[in-house]
Amino acid sequence: MATGIYWCLVLTECLSLVASMASVVQFAQTAPDYSIVCPGDRLVLTCIVAETGGAVVWQGDGIQRLLLTSGPMNGTLNSFFVNINESNSTTLISTAIDNNVSVTLDGANIVCLADGANAKQFTIDVADAPVSVNNVSVNDSTIPVPPIQHYIINVYSASNSIIFNSNTANTNITITGLPLTDTNYTITIIPVNVIGYGPSATVNGTIYYNSNCH
């Protein structure tokens, strides 16, 4: 009977040790509420550990570690401000805060450790910068264009002098009164709407005279 009682005591002690083993209960991103962080965002990582005796260890991307206890309640780890927010006899809540996330943190691994062996890792996902816009094509048929209000018609002589000018809303016009001193003319037609002047259309014309004397 004495032997049975002894083993019972040993087993009880082992179970007690297992029950009080330090562990990371939860380690997650708590701000922002979307998983992919944007550059410049405020990033908050929250770690909840149990049975650590009031201590927690943070590890940055690499080998750098920061131990927080009831003595130093906060500190810095790379670009993070690390703090113990709440601690009691069984549970400790700690946060790591970066108030201005850099794109260099993309893919960085942050580790929260309850002890030397029990840990959880979080990988930071930072959105890439938007790519530049290239080769943009615009389809004129999808762009609303105000109607043409009128046309500016100019007729130039061979010496490049304006010999005829008219502003008209007609789409058919007869040009009369041109001098007979030139046979070659340049005609420009400029459409105008509420936005402004459109591209000029140029027409080159030649006048042939046929004189029959009887």
C-alpha atoms as a PDB file:
ATOM      1  CA  MET A   1       0.000   0.000   0.000  1.00  0.00           C
ATOM      2  CA  ALA A   2       2.843   2.396   0.766  1.00  0.00           C
ATOM      3  CA  THR A   3       4.305   1.817  -2.702  1.00  0.00           C
ATOM      4  CA  GLY A   4       0.950   2.587  -4.363  1.00  0.00           C
ATOM      5  CA  ILE A   5       0.614   5.834  -2.434  1.00  0.00           C
ATOM      6  CA  TYR A   6       4.161   6.841  -3.433  1.00  0.00           C
ATOM      7  CA  TRP A   7       3.490   6.371  -7.172  1.00  0.00           C
ATOM      8  CA  CYS A   8       0.239   8.256  -6.831  1.00  0.00           C
ATOM      9  CA  LEU A   9       2.100  11.225  -5.376  1.00  0.00           C
ATOM     10  CA  VAL A  10       4.721  11.116  -8.133  1.00  0.00           C
ATOM     11  CA  LEU A  11       2.047  10.938 -10.846  1.00  0.00           C
ATOM     12  CA  THR A  12       0.157  13.844  -9.301  1.00  0.00           C
ATOM     13  CA  GLU A  13       3.319  15.959  -9.275  1.00  0.00           C
ATOM     14  CA  CYS A  14       3.986  15.168 -12.963  1.00  0.00           C
ATOM     15  CA  LEU A  15       0.461  16.090 -13.947  1.00  0.00           C
ATOM     16  CA  SER A  16       0.813  19.334 -12.036  1.00  0.00           C
ATOM     17  CA  LEU A  17       4.013  20.160 -13.928  1.00  0.00           C
ATOM     18  CA  VAL A  18       2.372  19.457 -17.282  1.00  0.00           C
ATOM     19  CA  ALA A  19      -0.645  21.579 -16.441  1.00  0.00           C
ATOM     20  CA  SER A  20       1.529  24.567 -15.529  1.00  0.00           C
ATOM     21  CA  MET A  21       3.784  24.424 -18.619  1.00  0.00           C
ATOM     22  CA  ALA A  22       4.279  27.813 -20.265  1.00  0.00           C
ATOM     23  CA  SER A  23       2.567  28.218 -23.635  1.00  0.00           C
ATOM     24  CA  VAL A  24       1.654  30.780 -26.288  1.00  0.00           C
ATOM     25  CA  VAL A  25      -2.138  30.806 -26.275  1.00  0.00           C
ATOM     26  CA  GLN A  26      -2.570  33.215 -29.191  1.00  0.00           C
ATOM     27  CA  PHE A  27      -0.332  35.280 -31.468  1.00  0.00           C
ATOM     28  CA  ALA A  28      -1.973  37.324 -34.217  1.00  0.00           C
ATOM     29  CA  GLN A  29      -2.220  40.665 -35.983  1.00  0.00           C
ATOM     30  CA  THR A  30      -4.868  42.749 -34.219  1.00  0.00           C
ATOM     31  CA  ALA A  31      -4.499  45.967 -36.236  1.00  0.00           C
ATOM     32  CA  PRO A  32      -5.221  46.796 -38.956  1.00  0.00           C
ATOM     33  CA  ASP A  33      -8.204  44.492 -39.366  1.00  0.00           C
ATOM     34  CA  TYR A  34      -7.202  43.549 -42.931  1.00  0.00           C
ATOM     35  CA  SER A  35      -4.499  40.916 -43.332  1.00  0.00           C
ATOM     36  CA  ILE A  36      -2.279  42.631 -45.920  1.00  0.00           C
ATOM     37  CA  VAL A  37      -0.741  45.752 -44.395  1.00  0.00           C
ATOM     38  CA  CYS A  38      -0.219  48.895 -46.450  1.00  0.00           C
ATOM     39  CA  PRO A  39       3.004  50.913 -46.197  1.00  0.00           C
ATOM     40  CA  GLY A  40       2.554  53.600 -43.552  1.00  0.00           C
ATOM     41  CA  ASP A  41      -0.103  51.645 -41.628  1.00  0.00           C
ATOM     42  CA  ARG A  42      -0.022  51.155 -37.861  1.00  0.00           C
ATOM     43  CA  LEU A  43       0.652  47.463 -37.239  1.00  0.00           C
ATOM     44  CA  VAL A  44      -0.171  45.811 -33.912  1.00  0.00           C
ATOM     45  CA  LEU A  45       0.798  42.220 -33.077  1.00  0.00           C
ATOM     46  CA  THR A  46      -0.720  40.760 -29.910  1.00  0.00           C
ATOM     47  CA  CYS A  47       0.702  37.783 -28.052  1.00  0.00           C
ATOM     48  CA  ILE A  48      -1.124  36.018 -25.218  1.00  0.00           C
ATOM     49  CA  VAL A  49       0.934  33.604 -23.113  1.00  0.00           C
ATOM     50  CA  ALA A  50       0.064  31.469 -20.111  1.00  0.00           C
ATOM     51  CA  GLU A  51       2.013  30.270 -17.096  1.00  0.00           C
ATOM     52  CA  THR A  52       5.168  32.262 -17.818  1.00  0.00           C
ATOM     53  CA  GLY A  53       5.524  33.825 -14.395  1.00  0.00           C
ATOM     54  CA  GLY A  54       5.071  37.328 -15.791  1.00  0.00           C
ATOM     55  CA  ALA A  55       7.618  37.207 -18.608  1.00  0.00           C
ATOM     56  CA  VAL A  56       7.517  37.040 -22.399  1.00  0.00           C
ATOM     57  CA  VAL A  57      10.201  36.981 -25.098  1.00  0.00           C
ATOM     58  CA  TRP A  58       9.923  38.641 -28.513  1.00  0.00           C
ATOM     59  CA  GLN A  59      12.231  37.789 -31.395  1.00  0.00           C
ATOM     60  CA  GLY A  60      12.671  39.906 -34.502  1.00  0.00           C
ATOM     61  CA  ASP A  61      13.471  38.755 -38.006  1.00  0.00           C
ATOM     62  CA  GLY A  62      16.829  37.202 -37.161  1.00  0.00           C
ATOM     63  CA  ILE A  63      18.382  36.408 -33.805  1.00  0.00           C
ATOM     64  CA  GLN A  64      17.611  39.612 -31.909  1.00  0.00           C
ATOM     65  CA  ARG A  65      15.465  38.962 -28.846  1.00  0.00           C
ATOM     66  CA  LEU A  66      13.786  41.131 -26.231  1.00  0.00           C
ATOM     67  CA  LEU A  67      12.779  39.822 -22.794  1.00  0.00           C
ATOM     68  CA  LEU A  68       9.986  41.632 -20.995  1.00  0.00           C
ATOM     69  CA  THR A  69       9.219  41.001 -17.332  1.00  0.00           C
ATOM     70  CA  SER A  70       7.444  42.814 -14.551  1.00  0.00           C
ATOM     71  CA  GLY A  71      10.634  44.885 -14.289  1.00  0.00           C
ATOM     72  CA  PRO A  72      11.073  46.333 -17.823  1.00  0.00           C
ATOM     73  CA  MET A  73       7.454  46.528 -18.971  1.00  0.00           C
ATOM     74  CA  ASN A  74       8.377  47.791 -22.432  1.00  0.00           C
ATOM     75  CA  GLY A  75      11.217  48.110 -24.898  1.00  0.00           C
ATOM     76  CA  THR A  76      12.044  48.286 -28.592  1.00  0.00           C
ATOM     77  CA  LEU A  77      12.716  45.497 -31.067  1.00  0.00           C
ATOM     78  CA  ASN A  78      13.833  46.783 -34.457  1.00  0.00           C
ATOM     79  CA  SER A  79      11.024  49.146 -35.537  1.00  0.00           C
ATOM     80  CA  PHE A  80       8.537  47.775 -32.966  1.00  0.00           C
ATOM     81  CA  PHE A  81       7.636  49.190 -29.571  1.00  0.00           C
ATOM     82  CA  VAL A  82       6.963  46.154 -27.374  1.00  0.00           C
ATOM     83  CA  ASN A  83       4.895  46.386 -24.216  1.00  0.00           C
ATOM     84  CA  ILE A  84       3.261  44.235 -21.535  1.00  0.00           C
ATOM     85  CA  ASN A  85      -0.367  45.357 -21.506  1.00  0.00           C
ATOM     86  CA  GLU A  86      -1.787  43.010 -18.893  1.00  0.00           C
ATOM     87  CA  SER A  87      -0.357  40.395 -16.562  1.00  0.00           C
ATOM     88  CA  ASN A  88      -1.721  38.236 -13.768  1.00  0.00           C
ATOM     89  CA  SER A  89      -0.806  34.957 -12.115  1.00  0.00           C
ATOM     90  CA  THR A  90      -1.809  32.858 -15.136  1.00  0.00           C
ATOM     91  CA  THR A  91      -1.954  35.009 -18.277  1.00  0.00           C
ATOM     92  CA  LEU A  92       0.132  37.744 -19.875  1.00  0.00           C
ATOM     93  CA  ILE A  93      -0.861  39.942 -22.831  1.00  0.00           C
ATOM     94  CA  SER A  94       1.868  41.732 -24.760  1.00  0.00           C
ATOM     95  CA  THR A  95       1.815  43.839 -27.931  1.00  0.00           C
ATOM     96  CA  ALA A  96       4.386  44.850 -30.521  1.00  0.00           C
ATOM     97  CA  ILE A  97       3.505  48.080 -32.351  1.00  0.00           C
ATOM     98  CA  ASP A  98       4.994  49.642 -35.468  1.00  0.00           C
ATOM     99  CA  ASN A  99       3.355  53.022 -36.063  1.00  0.00           C
ATOM    100  CA  ASN A 100       4.662  53.403 -39.611  1.00  0.00           C
ATOM    101  CA  VAL A 101       5.096  50.134 -41.471  1.00  0.00           C
ATOM    102  CA  SER A 102       7.861  50.052 -44.056  1.00  0.00           C
ATOM    103  CA  VAL A 103       7.830  47.925 -47.205  1.00  0.00           C
ATOM    104  CA  THR A 104      11.062  46.377 -45.926  1.00  0.00           C
ATOM    105  CA  LEU A 105       8.982  44.483 -43.339  1.00  0.00           C
ATOM    106  CA  ASP A 106       7.288  42.437 -46.051  1.00  0.00           C
ATOM    107  CA  GLY A 107       7.969  38.777 -45.320  1.00  0.00           C
ATOM    108  CA  ALA A 108       9.574  39.493 -41.932  1.00  0.00           C
ATOM    109  CA  ASN A 109       9.014  36.836 -39.263  1.00  0.00           C
ATOM    110  CA  ILE A 110       8.200  37.949 -35.710  1.00  0.00           C
ATOM    111  CA  VAL A 111       8.239  35.316 -32.956  1.00  0.00           C
ATOM    112  CA  CYS A 112       6.574  35.356 -29.539  1.00  0.00           C
ATOM    113  CA  LEU A 113       8.064  32.911 -27.024  1.00  0.00           C
ATOM    114  CA  ALA A 114       6.569  31.722 -23.774  1.00  0.00           C
ATOM    115  CA  ASP A 115       9.826  29.979 -22.926  1.00  0.00           C
ATOM    116  CA  GLY A 116      12.857  28.740 -24.800  1.00  0.00           C
ATOM    117  CA  ALA A 117      10.904  26.045 -26.658  1.00  0.00           C
ATOM    118  CA  ASN A 118       7.264  27.095 -26.817  1.00  0.00           C
ATOM    119  CA  ALA A 119       6.763  29.777 -29.466  1.00  0.00           C
ATOM    120  CA  LYS A 120       4.557  30.993 -32.293  1.00  0.00           C
ATOM    121  CA  GLN A 121       5.640  32.850 -35.411  1.00  0.00           C
ATOM    122  CA  PHE A 122       3.856  35.519 -37.455  1.00  0.00           C
ATOM    123  CA  THR A 123       4.887  36.536 -40.981  1.00  0.00           C
ATOM    124  CA  ILE A 124       4.164  40.146 -41.921  1.00  0.00           C
ATOM    125  CA  ASP A 125       2.556  40.726 -45.321  1.00  0.00           C
ATOM    126  CA  VAL A 126       3.050  44.255 -46.666  1.00  0.00           C
ATOM    127  CA  ALA A 127       1.356  45.249 -49.918  1.00  0.00           C
ATOM    128  CA  ASP A 128       3.601  46.054 -52.851  1.00  0.00           C
ATOM    129  CA  ALA A 129       3.720  49.586 -54.206  1.00  0.00           C
ATOM    130  CA  PRO A 130       1.373  50.027 -57.194  1.00  0.00           C
ATOM    131  CA  VAL A 131       3.018  49.491 -60.548  1.00  0.00           C
ATOM    132  CA  SER A 132       3.301  52.388 -62.956  1.00  0.00           C
ATOM    133  CA  VAL A 133       0.672  52.722 -65.659  1.00  0.00           C
ATOM    134  CA  ASN A 134       2.016  52.241 -69.175  1.00  0.00           C
ATOM    135  CA  ASN A 135       0.586  51.969 -72.675  1.00  0.00           C
ATOM    136  CA  VAL A 136      -2.838  53.396 -71.884  1.00  0.00           C
ATOM    137  CA  SER A 137      -5.172  53.427 -74.864  1.00  0.00           C
ATOM    138  CA  VAL A 138      -8.298  55.551 -75.089  1.00  0.00           C
ATOM    139  CA  ASN A 139     -11.200  54.685 -77.339  1.00  0.00           C
ATOM    140  CA  ASP A 140     -12.723  57.908 -78.627  1.00  0.00           C
ATOM    141  CA  SER A 141     -16.069  56.193 -79.114  1.00  0.00           C
ATOM    142  CA  THR A 142     -16.481  55.919 -75.342  1.00  0.00           C
ATOM    143  CA  ILE A 143     -15.766  59.596 -74.669  1.00  0.00           C
ATOM    144  CA  PRO A 144     -18.743  61.971 -74.894  1.00  0.00           C
ATOM    145  CA  VAL A 145     -17.948  64.801 -77.320  1.00  0.00           C
ATOM    146  CA  PRO A 146     -20.072  67.979 -77.392  1.00  0.00           C
ATOM    147  CA  PRO A 147     -21.584  68.715 -80.817  1.00  0.00           C
ATOM    148  CA  ILE A 148     -19.886  71.090 -83.249  1.00  0.00           C
ATOM    149  CA  GLN A 149     -21.358  74.586 -83.042  1.00  0.00           C
ATOM    150  CA  HIS A 150     -19.801  76.125 -86.138  1.00  0.00           C
ATOM    151  CA  TYR A 151     -16.878  75.993 -88.557  1.00  0.00           C
ATOM    152  CA  ILE A 152     -14.177  78.545 -89.287  1.00  0.00           C
ATOM    153  CA  ILE A 153     -13.334  78.516 -92.992  1.00  0.00           C
ATOM    154  CA  ASN A 154     -10.274  80.299 -94.342  1.00  0.00           C
ATOM    155  CA  VAL A 155      -9.081  80.439 -97.943  1.00  0.00           C
ATOM    156  CA  TYR A 156      -5.412  81.257 -98.533  1.00  0.00           C
ATOM    157  CA  SER A 157      -3.889  82.480-101.772  1.00  0.00           C
ATOM    158  CA  ALA A 158      -0.662  81.173-103.229  1.00  0.00           C
ATOM    159  CA  SER A 159       1.167  83.898-101.273  1.00  0.00           C
ATOM    160  CA  ASN A 160      -0.393  82.557 -98.028  1.00  0.00           C
ATOM    161  CA  SER A 161      -2.709  85.529 -97.564  1.00  0.00           C
ATOM    162  CA  ILE A 162      -6.256  85.039 -96.304  1.00  0.00           C
ATOM    163  CA  ILE A 163      -8.585  86.031 -99.116  1.00  0.00           C
ATOM    164  CA  PHE A 164     -11.766  84.518 -97.690  1.00  0.00           C
ATOM    165  CA  ASN A 165     -13.019  83.984 -94.109  1.00  0.00           C
ATOM    166  CA  SER A 166     -16.332  82.691 -92.825  1.00  0.00           C
ATOM    167  CA  ASN A 167     -17.839  81.368 -89.578  1.00  0.00           C
ATOM    168  CA  THR A 168     -20.754  79.132 -90.458  1.00  0.00           C
ATOM    169  CA  ALA A 169     -22.869  76.403 -88.936  1.00  0.00           C
ATOM    170  CA  ASN A 170     -23.692  74.987 -92.371  1.00  0.00           C
ATOM    171  CA  THR A 171     -22.106  71.747 -93.444  1.00  0.00           C
ATOM    172  CA  ASN A 172     -22.464  72.767 -97.102  1.00  0.00           C
ATOM    173  CA  ILE A 173     -21.116  76.103 -98.222  1.00  0.00           C
ATOM    174  CA  THR A 174     -20.344  77.705-101.567  1.00  0.00           C
ATOM    175  CA  ILE A 175     -17.299  79.938-101.693  1.00  0.00           C
ATOM    176  CA  THR A 176     -17.656  82.791-104.168  1.00  0.00           C
ATOM    177  CA  GLY A 177     -15.821  85.955-104.993  1.00  0.00           C
ATOM    178  CA  LEU A 178     -12.339  84.529-105.158  1.00  0.00           C
ATOM    179  CA  PRO A 179      -9.939  86.735-107.137  1.00  0.00           C
ATOM    180  CA  LEU A 180      -8.932  85.543-110.563  1.00  0.00           C
ATOM    181  CA  THR A 181      -5.293  86.394-109.982  1.00  0.00           C
ATOM    182  CA  ASP A 182      -4.628  82.954-108.419  1.00  0.00           C
ATOM    183  CA  THR A 183      -5.503  79.508-109.582  1.00  0.00           C
ATOM    184  CA  ASN A 184      -4.199  77.585-106.541  1.00  0.00           C
ATOM    185  CA  TYR A 185      -5.820  77.986-103.160  1.00  0.00           C
ATOM    186  CA  THR A 186      -5.549  76.385 -99.708  1.00  0.00           C
ATOM    187  CA  ILE A 187      -8.755  75.969 -97.732  1.00  0.00           C
ATOM    188  CA  THR A 188      -8.731  75.254 -93.958  1.00  0.00           C
ATOM    189  CA  ILE A 189     -11.812  74.143 -92.041  1.00  0.00           C
ATOM    190  CA  ILE A 190     -11.688  74.305 -88.219  1.00  0.00           C
ATOM    191  CA  PRO A 191     -14.571  72.787 -86.188  1.00  0.00           C
ATOM    192  CA  VAL A 192     -15.536  74.611 -82.982  1.00  0.00           C
ATOM    193  CA  ASN A 193     -17.619  73.414 -79.994  1.00  0.00           C
ATOM    194  CA  VAL A 194     -18.052  74.515 -76.358  1.00  0.00           C
ATOM    195  CA  ILE A 195     -14.671  73.018 -75.438  1.00  0.00           C
ATOM    196  CA  GLY A 196     -12.674  74.860 -78.075  1.00  0.00           C
ATOM    197  CA  TYR A 197     -11.118  74.443 -81.491  1.00  0.00           C
ATOM    198  CA  GLY A 198     -10.732  71.075 -83.142  1.00  0.00           C
ATOM    199  CA  PRO A 199      -8.004  69.986 -85.552  1.00  0.00           C
ATOM    200  CA  SER A 200      -7.917  71.822 -88.836  1.00  0.00           C
ATOM    201  CA  ALA A 201      -8.724  70.055 -92.085  1.00  0.00           C
ATOM    202  CA  THR A 202      -6.825  71.357 -95.107  1.00  0.00           C
ATOM    203  CA  VAL A 203      -7.910  71.123 -98.729  1.00  0.00           C
ATOM    204  CA  ASN A 204      -5.813  72.233-101.675  1.00  0.00           C
ATOM    205  CA  GLY A 205      -7.757  73.368-104.711  1.00  0.00           C
ATOM    206  CA  THR A 206      -6.966  74.432-108.233  1.00  0.00           C
ATOM    207  CA  ILE A 207      -9.233  76.504-110.472  1.00  0.00           C
ATOM    208  CA  TYR A 208      -9.136  75.885-114.197  1.00  0.00           C
ATOM    209  CA  TYR A 209     -10.453  78.551-116.510  1.00  0.00           C
ATOM    210  CA  ASN A 210     -11.972  77.624-119.837  1.00  0.00           C
ATOM    211  CA  SER A 211     -12.421  80.593-122.142  1.00  0.00           C
ATOM    212  CA  ASN A 212     -14.126  80.098-125.516  1.00  0.00           C
ATOM    213  CA  CYS A 213     -14.117  83.057-127.848  1.00  0.00           C
ATOM    214  CA  HIS A 214     -16.530  83.110-130.742  1.00  0.00           C
END
